[in-house]
N, C-alpha and C. Protein backbone atom coordinates (compact mmCIF):
# COMPACT_ATOMS: atom_id res chain seq x y z
N MET A 1 35.15 -12.32 -43.30
CA MET A 1 33.90 -12.87 -42.73
C MET A 1 32.74 -12.57 -43.68
N LYS A 2 31.96 -13.57 -43.96
CA LYS A 2 30.84 -13.37 -44.86
C LYS A 2 29.75 -12.51 -44.20
N ALA A 3 28.99 -11.86 -45.07
CA ALA A 3 27.94 -10.95 -44.58
C ALA A 3 26.92 -11.70 -43.72
N THR A 4 26.61 -12.93 -44.11
CA THR A 4 25.63 -13.72 -43.36
C THR A 4 26.13 -14.04 -41.96
N GLN A 5 27.41 -14.39 -41.86
CA GLN A 5 28.01 -14.71 -40.55
C GLN A 5 28.03 -13.48 -39.66
N ALA A 6 28.41 -12.35 -40.25
CA ALA A 6 28.46 -11.10 -39.50
C ALA A 6 27.08 -10.73 -38.97
N PHE A 7 26.06 -10.94 -39.79
CA PHE A 7 24.69 -10.64 -39.39
C PHE A 7 24.25 -11.51 -38.22
N LEU A 8 24.60 -12.82 -38.31
CA LEU A 8 24.24 -13.74 -37.24
C LEU A 8 24.91 -13.38 -35.93
N ILE A 9 26.19 -13.01 -36.00
CA ILE A 9 26.94 -12.63 -34.80
C ILE A 9 26.33 -11.38 -34.17
N CYS A 10 26.02 -10.39 -35.01
CA CYS A 10 25.41 -9.15 -34.51
C CYS A 10 24.06 -9.44 -33.86
N SER A 11 23.30 -10.35 -34.48
CA SER A 11 21.99 -10.70 -33.94
C SER A 11 22.11 -11.36 -32.57
N LEU A 12 23.08 -12.27 -32.44
CA LEU A 12 23.30 -12.96 -31.17
C LEU A 12 23.73 -11.99 -30.08
N VAL A 13 24.62 -11.05 -30.42
CA VAL A 13 25.08 -10.05 -29.46
C VAL A 13 23.91 -9.19 -29.00
N LEU A 14 23.06 -8.79 -29.93
CA LEU A 14 21.90 -7.96 -29.60
C LEU A 14 20.94 -8.72 -28.70
N MET A 15 20.70 -9.99 -29.00
CA MET A 15 19.81 -10.80 -28.16
C MET A 15 20.36 -10.95 -26.75
N PHE A 16 21.67 -11.14 -26.65
CA PHE A 16 22.31 -11.26 -25.34
C PHE A 16 22.13 -9.97 -24.53
N GLN A 17 22.33 -8.83 -25.19
CA GLN A 17 22.20 -7.54 -24.51
C GLN A 17 20.77 -7.32 -24.04
N LEU A 18 19.80 -7.68 -24.89
CA LEU A 18 18.40 -7.50 -24.53
C LEU A 18 18.01 -8.39 -23.35
N ASN A 19 18.49 -9.64 -23.37
CA ASN A 19 18.21 -10.56 -22.26
C ASN A 19 18.83 -10.07 -20.96
N LEU A 20 20.05 -9.54 -21.08
CA LEU A 20 20.74 -9.02 -19.90
C LEU A 20 19.99 -7.82 -19.33
N GLN A 21 19.51 -6.94 -20.23
CA GLN A 21 18.77 -5.76 -19.77
C GLN A 21 17.46 -6.15 -19.12
N THR A 22 16.78 -7.17 -19.69
CA THR A 22 15.52 -7.65 -19.12
C THR A 22 15.72 -8.18 -17.72
N LYS A 23 16.79 -8.98 -17.53
CA LYS A 23 17.09 -9.54 -16.21
C LYS A 23 17.43 -8.44 -15.21
N THR A 24 18.17 -7.44 -15.68
CA THR A 24 18.56 -6.32 -14.80
C THR A 24 17.33 -5.55 -14.35
N ASN A 25 16.42 -5.29 -15.29
CA ASN A 25 15.20 -4.56 -14.96
C ASN A 25 14.37 -5.35 -13.96
N ALA A 26 14.29 -6.68 -14.15
CA ALA A 26 13.51 -7.52 -13.23
C ALA A 26 14.10 -7.50 -11.83
N GLN A 27 15.43 -7.46 -11.77
CA GLN A 27 16.10 -7.46 -10.49
C GLN A 27 15.92 -6.15 -9.75
N THR A 28 15.88 -5.04 -10.49
CA THR A 28 15.80 -3.73 -9.85
C THR A 28 14.35 -3.30 -9.59
N ALA A 29 13.37 -4.00 -10.17
CA ALA A 29 11.97 -3.64 -9.93
C ALA A 29 11.62 -3.87 -8.46
N LEU A 30 10.89 -2.94 -7.88
CA LEU A 30 10.50 -3.03 -6.48
C LEU A 30 9.05 -3.48 -6.36
N THR A 31 8.75 -4.22 -5.30
CA THR A 31 7.38 -4.65 -5.04
C THR A 31 6.89 -4.05 -3.74
N ILE A 32 5.87 -3.22 -3.83
CA ILE A 32 5.23 -2.65 -2.66
C ILE A 32 3.86 -3.31 -2.51
N VAL A 33 3.58 -3.81 -1.33
CA VAL A 33 2.31 -4.48 -1.07
C VAL A 33 1.36 -3.52 -0.35
N ALA A 34 0.21 -3.28 -0.97
CA ALA A 34 -0.84 -2.49 -0.33
C ALA A 34 -1.72 -3.47 0.44
N PHE A 35 -1.57 -3.46 1.76
CA PHE A 35 -2.21 -4.46 2.61
C PHE A 35 -3.31 -3.79 3.42
N GLY A 36 -4.57 -4.13 3.12
CA GLY A 36 -5.63 -3.44 3.84
C GLY A 36 -7.00 -4.06 3.64
N ASP A 37 -8.01 -3.21 3.75
CA ASP A 37 -9.40 -3.66 3.65
C ASP A 37 -10.00 -3.21 2.31
N SER A 38 -11.30 -2.92 2.29
CA SER A 38 -11.97 -2.56 1.04
C SER A 38 -11.46 -1.26 0.44
N LEU A 39 -10.93 -0.38 1.27
CA LEU A 39 -10.38 0.89 0.77
C LEU A 39 -9.16 0.63 -0.10
N THR A 40 -8.43 -0.42 0.23
CA THR A 40 -7.28 -0.84 -0.58
C THR A 40 -7.73 -1.73 -1.72
N ALA A 41 -8.63 -2.68 -1.44
CA ALA A 41 -9.07 -3.65 -2.44
C ALA A 41 -9.74 -2.99 -3.64
N GLY A 42 -10.42 -1.85 -3.38
CA GLY A 42 -11.11 -1.15 -4.46
C GLY A 42 -12.57 -1.56 -4.58
N TYR A 43 -13.22 -1.69 -3.44
CA TYR A 43 -14.64 -2.06 -3.42
C TYR A 43 -15.45 -1.14 -4.33
N GLY A 44 -16.27 -1.76 -5.22
CA GLY A 44 -17.15 -0.98 -6.09
C GLY A 44 -16.47 -0.36 -7.29
N LEU A 45 -15.18 -0.63 -7.46
CA LEU A 45 -14.42 -0.04 -8.56
C LEU A 45 -13.87 -1.11 -9.49
N LYS A 46 -13.54 -0.73 -10.70
CA LYS A 46 -12.81 -1.62 -11.59
C LYS A 46 -11.41 -1.83 -11.00
N THR A 47 -10.82 -2.96 -11.29
CA THR A 47 -9.48 -3.27 -10.77
C THR A 47 -8.48 -2.17 -11.12
N THR A 48 -8.59 -1.64 -12.32
CA THR A 48 -7.65 -0.61 -12.78
C THR A 48 -7.86 0.73 -12.09
N ALA A 49 -8.99 0.89 -11.41
CA ALA A 49 -9.28 2.15 -10.73
C ALA A 49 -8.99 2.08 -9.23
N ALA A 50 -8.68 0.89 -8.73
CA ALA A 50 -8.42 0.71 -7.30
C ALA A 50 -7.13 1.40 -6.88
N PHE A 51 -6.99 1.64 -5.59
CA PHE A 51 -5.83 2.34 -5.05
C PHE A 51 -4.50 1.75 -5.49
N PRO A 52 -4.27 0.43 -5.38
CA PRO A 52 -2.95 -0.11 -5.77
C PRO A 52 -2.62 0.14 -7.25
N ALA A 53 -3.59 -0.08 -8.13
CA ALA A 53 -3.35 0.10 -9.56
C ALA A 53 -3.07 1.56 -9.90
N GLN A 54 -3.83 2.47 -9.29
CA GLN A 54 -3.64 3.89 -9.56
C GLN A 54 -2.33 4.41 -8.96
N LEU A 55 -1.96 3.85 -7.81
CA LEU A 55 -0.68 4.23 -7.20
C LEU A 55 0.48 3.77 -8.08
N GLN A 56 0.40 2.54 -8.56
CA GLN A 56 1.45 2.03 -9.45
C GLN A 56 1.57 2.89 -10.70
N LYS A 57 0.44 3.26 -11.27
CA LYS A 57 0.43 4.10 -12.46
C LYS A 57 1.10 5.45 -12.19
N ALA A 58 0.77 6.05 -11.05
CA ALA A 58 1.35 7.35 -10.68
C ALA A 58 2.85 7.25 -10.45
N LEU A 59 3.29 6.17 -9.81
CA LEU A 59 4.71 5.99 -9.54
C LEU A 59 5.50 5.76 -10.82
N LYS A 60 4.95 4.97 -11.72
CA LYS A 60 5.63 4.72 -12.99
C LYS A 60 5.73 6.00 -13.81
N ALA A 61 4.70 6.84 -13.72
CA ALA A 61 4.71 8.11 -14.44
C ALA A 61 5.82 9.03 -13.92
N ARG A 62 6.24 8.81 -12.69
CA ARG A 62 7.30 9.60 -12.08
C ARG A 62 8.65 8.88 -12.17
N GLY A 63 8.70 7.81 -12.96
CA GLY A 63 9.97 7.16 -13.25
C GLY A 63 10.37 6.05 -12.30
N HIS A 64 9.46 5.60 -11.45
CA HIS A 64 9.79 4.53 -10.49
C HIS A 64 9.43 3.16 -11.07
N ASN A 65 10.38 2.24 -11.02
CA ASN A 65 10.15 0.88 -11.48
C ASN A 65 9.56 0.08 -10.33
N VAL A 66 8.25 0.19 -10.17
CA VAL A 66 7.58 -0.37 -8.99
C VAL A 66 6.31 -1.12 -9.39
N THR A 67 6.10 -2.26 -8.74
CA THR A 67 4.83 -2.98 -8.84
C THR A 67 4.13 -2.84 -7.50
N VAL A 68 2.86 -2.41 -7.52
CA VAL A 68 2.08 -2.30 -6.29
C VAL A 68 1.08 -3.45 -6.27
N HIS A 69 1.30 -4.37 -5.35
CA HIS A 69 0.49 -5.58 -5.23
C HIS A 69 -0.75 -5.31 -4.37
N ASN A 70 -1.91 -5.67 -4.88
CA ASN A 70 -3.16 -5.45 -4.16
C ASN A 70 -3.42 -6.60 -3.20
N ALA A 71 -3.22 -6.36 -1.92
CA ALA A 71 -3.50 -7.35 -0.88
C ALA A 71 -4.59 -6.83 0.04
N GLY A 72 -5.60 -6.22 -0.58
CA GLY A 72 -6.74 -5.71 0.17
C GLY A 72 -7.88 -6.72 0.18
N VAL A 73 -8.55 -6.86 1.30
CA VAL A 73 -9.70 -7.77 1.41
C VAL A 73 -10.86 -7.00 2.05
N SER A 74 -11.94 -6.87 1.30
CA SER A 74 -13.10 -6.13 1.80
C SER A 74 -13.64 -6.77 3.07
N GLY A 75 -13.95 -5.93 4.04
CA GLY A 75 -14.52 -6.41 5.30
C GLY A 75 -13.52 -6.73 6.38
N ASP A 76 -12.24 -6.75 6.03
CA ASP A 76 -11.22 -7.10 7.02
C ASP A 76 -11.13 -6.09 8.15
N THR A 77 -11.05 -6.60 9.36
CA THR A 77 -10.69 -5.79 10.52
C THR A 77 -9.17 -5.91 10.68
N ALA A 78 -8.61 -5.19 11.62
CA ALA A 78 -7.18 -5.30 11.88
C ALA A 78 -6.81 -6.72 12.30
N THR A 79 -7.68 -7.36 13.07
CA THR A 79 -7.42 -8.73 13.52
C THR A 79 -7.47 -9.72 12.36
N ALA A 80 -8.42 -9.54 11.47
CA ALA A 80 -8.53 -10.41 10.30
C ALA A 80 -7.30 -10.24 9.40
N GLY A 81 -6.85 -9.03 9.26
CA GLY A 81 -5.66 -8.77 8.46
C GLY A 81 -4.44 -9.46 9.04
N LEU A 82 -4.30 -9.38 10.35
CA LEU A 82 -3.18 -10.03 11.02
C LEU A 82 -3.18 -11.53 10.75
N SER A 83 -4.35 -12.14 10.75
CA SER A 83 -4.45 -13.60 10.59
C SER A 83 -4.01 -14.07 9.21
N ARG A 84 -4.03 -13.19 8.22
CA ARG A 84 -3.64 -13.60 6.87
C ARG A 84 -2.33 -12.95 6.40
N LEU A 85 -1.67 -12.26 7.27
CA LEU A 85 -0.48 -11.51 6.88
C LEU A 85 0.58 -12.40 6.23
N THR A 86 0.92 -13.50 6.86
CA THR A 86 2.02 -14.34 6.39
C THR A 86 1.82 -14.82 4.96
N TRP A 87 0.62 -15.29 4.64
CA TRP A 87 0.40 -15.84 3.30
C TRP A 87 -0.06 -14.80 2.28
N SER A 88 -0.30 -13.58 2.73
CA SER A 88 -0.73 -12.53 1.80
C SER A 88 0.43 -11.80 1.16
N LEU A 89 1.60 -11.89 1.77
CA LEU A 89 2.76 -11.16 1.25
C LEU A 89 3.50 -12.00 0.21
N PRO A 90 3.73 -11.46 -0.98
CA PRO A 90 4.54 -12.18 -1.97
C PRO A 90 5.94 -12.45 -1.41
N LYS A 91 6.60 -13.46 -1.96
CA LYS A 91 7.94 -13.80 -1.50
C LYS A 91 8.87 -12.61 -1.59
N LYS A 92 8.75 -11.86 -2.69
CA LYS A 92 9.56 -10.65 -2.85
C LYS A 92 8.71 -9.44 -2.48
N THR A 93 8.79 -9.04 -1.24
CA THR A 93 8.08 -7.86 -0.76
C THR A 93 9.11 -6.86 -0.25
N ASP A 94 9.21 -5.72 -0.93
CA ASP A 94 10.20 -4.72 -0.55
C ASP A 94 9.67 -3.74 0.49
N ALA A 95 8.36 -3.56 0.52
CA ALA A 95 7.75 -2.63 1.49
C ALA A 95 6.25 -2.89 1.55
N VAL A 96 5.63 -2.39 2.63
CA VAL A 96 4.19 -2.57 2.82
C VAL A 96 3.54 -1.24 3.16
N ILE A 97 2.41 -0.97 2.51
CA ILE A 97 1.54 0.13 2.93
C ILE A 97 0.42 -0.52 3.74
N LEU A 98 0.40 -0.25 5.02
CA LEU A 98 -0.55 -0.90 5.93
C LEU A 98 -1.76 0.00 6.17
N GLU A 99 -2.91 -0.44 5.68
CA GLU A 99 -4.16 0.33 5.80
C GLU A 99 -5.24 -0.58 6.37
N LEU A 100 -5.42 -0.55 7.67
CA LEU A 100 -6.45 -1.36 8.33
C LEU A 100 -7.02 -0.58 9.52
N GLY A 101 -8.24 -0.91 9.87
CA GLY A 101 -8.85 -0.28 11.04
C GLY A 101 -10.18 0.40 10.76
N ALA A 102 -10.48 0.67 9.50
CA ALA A 102 -11.74 1.35 9.18
C ALA A 102 -12.95 0.53 9.62
N ASN A 103 -12.90 -0.77 9.38
CA ASN A 103 -14.02 -1.63 9.77
C ASN A 103 -14.13 -1.76 11.28
N ASP A 104 -12.98 -1.73 11.95
CA ASP A 104 -12.99 -1.74 13.42
C ASP A 104 -13.76 -0.54 13.95
N ALA A 105 -13.48 0.63 13.36
CA ALA A 105 -14.13 1.86 13.82
C ALA A 105 -15.62 1.82 13.53
N LEU A 106 -15.99 1.37 12.35
CA LEU A 106 -17.41 1.34 11.96
C LEU A 106 -18.20 0.36 12.81
N ARG A 107 -17.55 -0.72 13.23
CA ARG A 107 -18.24 -1.76 14.01
C ARG A 107 -18.11 -1.57 15.51
N GLY A 108 -17.37 -0.56 15.92
CA GLY A 108 -17.21 -0.30 17.34
C GLY A 108 -16.37 -1.33 18.06
N VAL A 109 -15.41 -1.93 17.34
CA VAL A 109 -14.51 -2.90 17.97
C VAL A 109 -13.69 -2.19 19.05
N ASP A 110 -13.48 -2.86 20.16
CA ASP A 110 -12.67 -2.31 21.25
C ASP A 110 -11.34 -1.79 20.69
N PRO A 111 -11.03 -0.50 20.84
CA PRO A 111 -9.77 0.06 20.34
C PRO A 111 -8.54 -0.68 20.84
N GLY A 112 -8.65 -1.26 22.03
CA GLY A 112 -7.53 -2.05 22.56
C GLY A 112 -7.24 -3.27 21.69
N GLN A 113 -8.28 -3.87 21.18
CA GLN A 113 -8.12 -5.03 20.30
C GLN A 113 -7.52 -4.61 18.96
N THR A 114 -7.99 -3.50 18.44
CA THR A 114 -7.46 -2.99 17.17
C THR A 114 -5.99 -2.66 17.31
N ARG A 115 -5.67 -1.98 18.39
CA ARG A 115 -4.27 -1.61 18.63
C ARG A 115 -3.38 -2.84 18.75
N LYS A 116 -3.85 -3.85 19.46
CA LYS A 116 -3.06 -5.07 19.64
C LYS A 116 -2.79 -5.75 18.30
N ALA A 117 -3.81 -5.83 17.45
CA ALA A 117 -3.66 -6.49 16.15
C ALA A 117 -2.69 -5.72 15.25
N LEU A 118 -2.81 -4.42 15.23
CA LEU A 118 -1.90 -3.61 14.41
C LEU A 118 -0.48 -3.67 14.96
N ASP A 119 -0.37 -3.70 16.27
CA ASP A 119 0.94 -3.82 16.92
C ASP A 119 1.63 -5.12 16.49
N GLN A 120 0.88 -6.21 16.54
CA GLN A 120 1.45 -7.50 16.17
C GLN A 120 1.79 -7.56 14.67
N THR A 121 0.99 -6.91 13.87
CA THR A 121 1.27 -6.84 12.43
C THR A 121 2.59 -6.11 12.18
N LEU A 122 2.77 -4.99 12.85
CA LEU A 122 4.01 -4.22 12.70
C LEU A 122 5.20 -4.99 13.26
N GLN A 123 4.98 -5.72 14.33
CA GLN A 123 6.05 -6.56 14.88
C GLN A 123 6.54 -7.57 13.86
N GLN A 124 5.60 -8.23 13.20
CA GLN A 124 5.95 -9.26 12.22
C GLN A 124 6.67 -8.65 11.01
N LEU A 125 6.22 -7.50 10.58
CA LEU A 125 6.87 -6.85 9.44
C LEU A 125 8.27 -6.37 9.81
N LYS A 126 8.41 -5.89 11.03
CA LYS A 126 9.73 -5.48 11.50
C LYS A 126 10.68 -6.66 11.57
N ALA A 127 10.17 -7.81 12.03
CA ALA A 127 10.99 -9.01 12.14
C ALA A 127 11.47 -9.48 10.77
N LYS A 128 10.66 -9.19 9.73
CA LYS A 128 11.04 -9.54 8.36
C LYS A 128 11.88 -8.44 7.70
N ASN A 129 12.14 -7.38 8.46
CA ASN A 129 12.92 -6.24 7.97
C ASN A 129 12.27 -5.59 6.74
N ILE A 130 10.94 -5.48 6.78
CA ILE A 130 10.19 -4.87 5.69
C ILE A 130 9.77 -3.46 6.08
N PRO A 131 10.19 -2.44 5.34
CA PRO A 131 9.79 -1.06 5.63
C PRO A 131 8.27 -0.90 5.49
N VAL A 132 7.70 -0.04 6.31
CA VAL A 132 6.25 0.13 6.34
C VAL A 132 5.86 1.61 6.25
N LEU A 133 4.79 1.85 5.50
CA LEU A 133 4.10 3.13 5.54
C LEU A 133 2.75 2.84 6.20
N LEU A 134 2.54 3.37 7.39
CA LEU A 134 1.31 3.15 8.13
C LEU A 134 0.29 4.22 7.76
N ALA A 135 -0.85 3.77 7.22
CA ALA A 135 -1.93 4.69 6.86
C ALA A 135 -2.97 4.69 7.98
N GLY A 136 -3.14 5.83 8.60
CA GLY A 136 -4.04 5.92 9.74
C GLY A 136 -5.50 6.05 9.35
N MET A 137 -6.35 5.83 10.33
CA MET A 137 -7.79 5.95 10.16
C MET A 137 -8.34 6.74 11.34
N ARG A 138 -9.51 7.32 11.15
CA ARG A 138 -10.15 8.06 12.24
C ARG A 138 -11.53 7.52 12.51
N ALA A 139 -11.92 7.55 13.76
CA ALA A 139 -13.23 7.04 14.14
C ALA A 139 -14.32 8.01 13.71
N PRO A 140 -15.47 7.49 13.28
CA PRO A 140 -16.60 8.37 12.94
C PRO A 140 -17.11 9.05 14.20
N PRO A 141 -17.55 10.29 14.10
CA PRO A 141 -17.97 11.05 15.29
C PRO A 141 -19.15 10.44 16.04
N ASN A 142 -19.97 9.63 15.36
CA ASN A 142 -21.15 9.06 16.03
C ASN A 142 -20.81 7.96 17.02
N MET A 143 -19.52 7.58 17.10
CA MET A 143 -19.11 6.54 18.03
C MET A 143 -18.89 7.08 19.45
N GLY A 144 -18.93 8.38 19.60
CA GLY A 144 -18.76 8.98 20.91
C GLY A 144 -17.33 9.44 21.16
N LYS A 145 -17.18 10.42 22.03
CA LYS A 145 -15.88 11.04 22.27
C LYS A 145 -14.86 10.07 22.89
N THR A 146 -15.30 9.23 23.79
CA THR A 146 -14.37 8.30 24.46
C THR A 146 -13.77 7.32 23.45
N PHE A 147 -14.64 6.72 22.65
CA PHE A 147 -14.18 5.77 21.63
C PHE A 147 -13.27 6.49 20.63
N GLU A 148 -13.71 7.66 20.20
CA GLU A 148 -12.96 8.43 19.20
C GLU A 148 -11.55 8.75 19.70
N LYS A 149 -11.44 9.17 20.95
CA LYS A 149 -10.13 9.52 21.51
C LYS A 149 -9.21 8.31 21.55
N LYS A 150 -9.73 7.18 22.01
CA LYS A 150 -8.92 5.96 22.13
C LYS A 150 -8.51 5.43 20.76
N PHE A 151 -9.47 5.42 19.84
CA PHE A 151 -9.18 4.88 18.51
C PHE A 151 -8.18 5.76 17.76
N ASN A 152 -8.40 7.05 17.74
CA ASN A 152 -7.54 7.95 16.98
C ASN A 152 -6.10 7.99 17.50
N ALA A 153 -5.92 7.60 18.75
CA ALA A 153 -4.58 7.62 19.35
C ALA A 153 -3.74 6.41 18.92
N ILE A 154 -4.38 5.39 18.36
CA ILE A 154 -3.68 4.15 18.01
C ILE A 154 -2.55 4.38 17.02
N TYR A 155 -2.85 5.06 15.93
CA TYR A 155 -1.92 5.15 14.80
C TYR A 155 -0.68 5.99 15.08
N PRO A 156 -0.84 7.20 15.62
CA PRO A 156 0.39 7.96 15.92
C PRO A 156 1.27 7.27 16.95
N PHE A 157 0.64 6.58 17.91
CA PHE A 157 1.42 5.87 18.92
C PHE A 157 2.25 4.75 18.28
N LEU A 158 1.62 3.94 17.43
CA LEU A 158 2.33 2.83 16.80
C LEU A 158 3.38 3.32 15.80
N ALA A 159 3.07 4.39 15.10
CA ALA A 159 4.04 4.95 14.15
C ALA A 159 5.30 5.40 14.87
N LYS A 160 5.11 6.01 16.03
CA LYS A 160 6.25 6.47 16.82
C LYS A 160 6.99 5.29 17.44
N THR A 161 6.23 4.31 17.92
CA THR A 161 6.84 3.15 18.57
C THR A 161 7.73 2.37 17.61
N TYR A 162 7.23 2.17 16.39
CA TYR A 162 7.96 1.35 15.41
C TYR A 162 8.78 2.18 14.42
N ARG A 163 8.71 3.50 14.58
CA ARG A 163 9.48 4.42 13.73
C ARG A 163 9.26 4.15 12.24
N VAL A 164 7.99 4.06 11.88
CA VAL A 164 7.64 3.84 10.48
C VAL A 164 7.10 5.13 9.88
N LYS A 165 7.11 5.20 8.57
CA LYS A 165 6.52 6.35 7.90
C LYS A 165 5.03 6.35 8.17
N PHE A 166 4.46 7.55 8.31
CA PHE A 166 3.09 7.65 8.80
C PHE A 166 2.28 8.66 8.00
N TYR A 167 1.17 8.18 7.46
CA TYR A 167 0.18 9.04 6.80
C TYR A 167 -1.04 9.06 7.71
N PRO A 168 -1.29 10.14 8.44
CA PRO A 168 -2.27 10.15 9.53
C PRO A 168 -3.69 9.70 9.18
N PHE A 169 -4.18 10.06 7.98
CA PHE A 169 -5.57 9.72 7.66
C PHE A 169 -5.68 9.33 6.19
N PHE A 170 -5.93 8.06 5.93
CA PHE A 170 -5.96 7.55 4.56
C PHE A 170 -6.99 8.27 3.70
N LEU A 171 -8.10 8.69 4.30
CA LEU A 171 -9.18 9.33 3.55
C LEU A 171 -9.13 10.86 3.61
N LYS A 172 -7.96 11.39 3.88
CA LYS A 172 -7.81 12.85 3.93
C LYS A 172 -8.27 13.49 2.62
N GLY A 173 -9.12 14.50 2.75
CA GLY A 173 -9.61 15.21 1.56
C GLY A 173 -10.70 14.49 0.81
N VAL A 174 -11.07 13.30 1.29
CA VAL A 174 -12.08 12.49 0.60
C VAL A 174 -13.29 12.21 1.50
N ALA A 175 -13.04 11.91 2.77
CA ALA A 175 -14.12 11.58 3.71
C ALA A 175 -15.14 12.72 3.78
N ALA A 176 -16.41 12.33 3.78
CA ALA A 176 -17.54 13.26 3.92
C ALA A 176 -17.70 14.20 2.73
N ARG A 177 -17.11 13.86 1.60
CA ARG A 177 -17.29 14.65 0.38
C ARG A 177 -18.03 13.79 -0.64
N PRO A 178 -19.34 14.01 -0.80
CA PRO A 178 -20.18 13.16 -1.66
C PRO A 178 -19.64 13.00 -3.08
N GLU A 179 -19.07 14.05 -3.64
CA GLU A 179 -18.60 13.99 -5.02
C GLU A 179 -17.39 13.08 -5.20
N LEU A 180 -16.74 12.71 -4.08
CA LEU A 180 -15.55 11.86 -4.15
C LEU A 180 -15.80 10.45 -3.62
N ASN A 181 -17.06 10.18 -3.28
CA ASN A 181 -17.39 8.87 -2.72
C ASN A 181 -18.52 8.20 -3.50
N GLN A 182 -18.60 6.88 -3.34
CA GLN A 182 -19.68 6.13 -3.95
C GLN A 182 -20.98 6.40 -3.19
N ALA A 183 -22.05 5.80 -3.65
CA ALA A 183 -23.37 6.07 -3.08
C ALA A 183 -23.46 5.73 -1.59
N ASP A 184 -22.61 4.79 -1.13
CA ASP A 184 -22.66 4.42 0.29
C ASP A 184 -22.04 5.48 1.20
N GLY A 185 -21.37 6.45 0.62
CA GLY A 185 -20.77 7.52 1.40
C GLY A 185 -19.54 7.10 2.18
N ILE A 186 -19.07 5.89 1.95
CA ILE A 186 -17.93 5.35 2.69
C ILE A 186 -16.73 5.08 1.79
N HIS A 187 -17.00 4.47 0.64
CA HIS A 187 -15.91 4.06 -0.25
C HIS A 187 -15.66 5.09 -1.35
N PRO A 188 -14.41 5.47 -1.55
CA PRO A 188 -14.07 6.46 -2.58
C PRO A 188 -14.45 5.97 -3.98
N ASN A 189 -14.87 6.93 -4.81
CA ASN A 189 -15.07 6.61 -6.22
C ASN A 189 -13.76 6.84 -6.97
N ASP A 190 -13.79 6.77 -8.28
CA ASP A 190 -12.57 6.93 -9.08
C ASP A 190 -11.84 8.24 -8.75
N LYS A 191 -12.62 9.31 -8.66
CA LYS A 191 -12.02 10.62 -8.39
C LYS A 191 -11.44 10.66 -6.97
N GLY A 192 -12.14 10.03 -6.04
CA GLY A 192 -11.66 10.00 -4.66
C GLY A 192 -10.34 9.28 -4.53
N VAL A 193 -10.19 8.17 -5.25
CA VAL A 193 -8.93 7.43 -5.22
C VAL A 193 -7.79 8.30 -5.72
N LEU A 194 -8.04 9.08 -6.75
CA LEU A 194 -6.98 9.95 -7.30
C LEU A 194 -6.56 11.02 -6.29
N VAL A 195 -7.51 11.48 -5.48
CA VAL A 195 -7.17 12.45 -4.42
C VAL A 195 -6.27 11.78 -3.38
N ILE A 196 -6.61 10.56 -3.01
CA ILE A 196 -5.78 9.81 -2.05
C ILE A 196 -4.37 9.64 -2.60
N ILE A 197 -4.27 9.27 -3.87
CA ILE A 197 -2.97 9.06 -4.51
C ILE A 197 -2.15 10.35 -4.46
N LYS A 198 -2.76 11.45 -4.81
CA LYS A 198 -2.06 12.74 -4.83
C LYS A 198 -1.52 13.08 -3.45
N ASN A 199 -2.31 12.84 -2.42
CA ASN A 199 -1.92 13.20 -1.06
C ASN A 199 -0.84 12.28 -0.48
N ILE A 200 -0.94 10.99 -0.78
CA ILE A 200 -0.02 10.03 -0.15
C ILE A 200 1.26 9.82 -0.95
N LEU A 201 1.27 10.26 -2.21
CA LEU A 201 2.39 9.99 -3.11
C LEU A 201 3.76 10.41 -2.56
N PRO A 202 3.89 11.61 -1.97
CA PRO A 202 5.21 11.99 -1.43
C PRO A 202 5.74 11.01 -0.39
N LEU A 203 4.85 10.49 0.45
CA LEU A 203 5.28 9.53 1.46
C LEU A 203 5.67 8.19 0.85
N VAL A 204 4.96 7.80 -0.19
CA VAL A 204 5.30 6.54 -0.87
C VAL A 204 6.66 6.68 -1.56
N GLU A 205 6.93 7.84 -2.12
CA GLU A 205 8.25 8.06 -2.73
C GLU A 205 9.33 8.05 -1.66
N GLY A 206 9.01 8.53 -0.48
CA GLY A 206 9.94 8.43 0.64
C GLY A 206 10.18 7.00 1.03
N LEU A 207 9.14 6.18 0.95
CA LEU A 207 9.25 4.75 1.25
C LEU A 207 10.18 4.08 0.24
N ILE A 208 10.04 4.45 -1.03
CA ILE A 208 10.91 3.90 -2.08
C ILE A 208 12.36 4.28 -1.84
N HIS A 209 12.57 5.51 -1.39
CA HIS A 209 13.93 5.97 -1.07
C HIS A 209 14.53 5.11 0.06
N THR A 210 13.70 4.80 1.05
CA THR A 210 14.15 3.95 2.15
C THR A 210 14.55 2.56 1.66
N ILE A 211 13.73 2.01 0.76
CA ILE A 211 14.03 0.69 0.20
C ILE A 211 15.39 0.70 -0.49
N LYS A 212 15.59 1.70 -1.31
CA LYS A 212 16.84 1.77 -2.11
C LYS A 212 18.06 1.97 -1.23
N GLN A 213 17.89 2.69 -0.13
CA GLN A 213 19.00 2.88 0.80
C GLN A 213 19.44 1.57 1.44
N ARG A 214 18.49 0.65 1.60
CA ARG A 214 18.79 -0.63 2.24
C ARG A 214 19.43 -1.63 1.30
N LYS A 215 19.32 -1.39 0.00
CA LYS A 215 19.83 -2.34 -0.98
C LYS A 215 21.31 -2.13 -1.25
């Protein structure tokens, strides 16, 4: 066999192997959808500093082949999120991080309405057999004890009802800390997002484990 022919054959074999590896990697890559409001969307932040982008970066650093899709819309209530759920999820959605309710609490929306919307959202995700990590929210103290009690009870109840992974408070370690929030005192800054990532990461890795067990 001539040297030129041997070289061509080796080149073709190498190209085939590379194409096969690329297809394999694409098939094994997981897609997690971060579905929420401005806390997910990254209000006031660069796209690369938002929760989904930083979570994806942290997961890849730990060896996970994962894409975190940003499906956050600033201003969304739980009801608004429910209305766009079907068309917001990519065709290939392996899991969802559900973060909604902050705007409901700030606007004093009837907790019964918030609970109903989140319940229906979880119902639809369950029907699609999509694993969920439910990120809870807490009512601000100025809304009064009655509202606070009803609102705060929504998330643990739904997490137990649907047996989904549960992170009780999305803003744990960040809420009411000026150095971790933007000037509005509501939305996390770059440093605040990193605190959220650090706290929620173990549960997200548990979510990935659940996905892989189902495959």
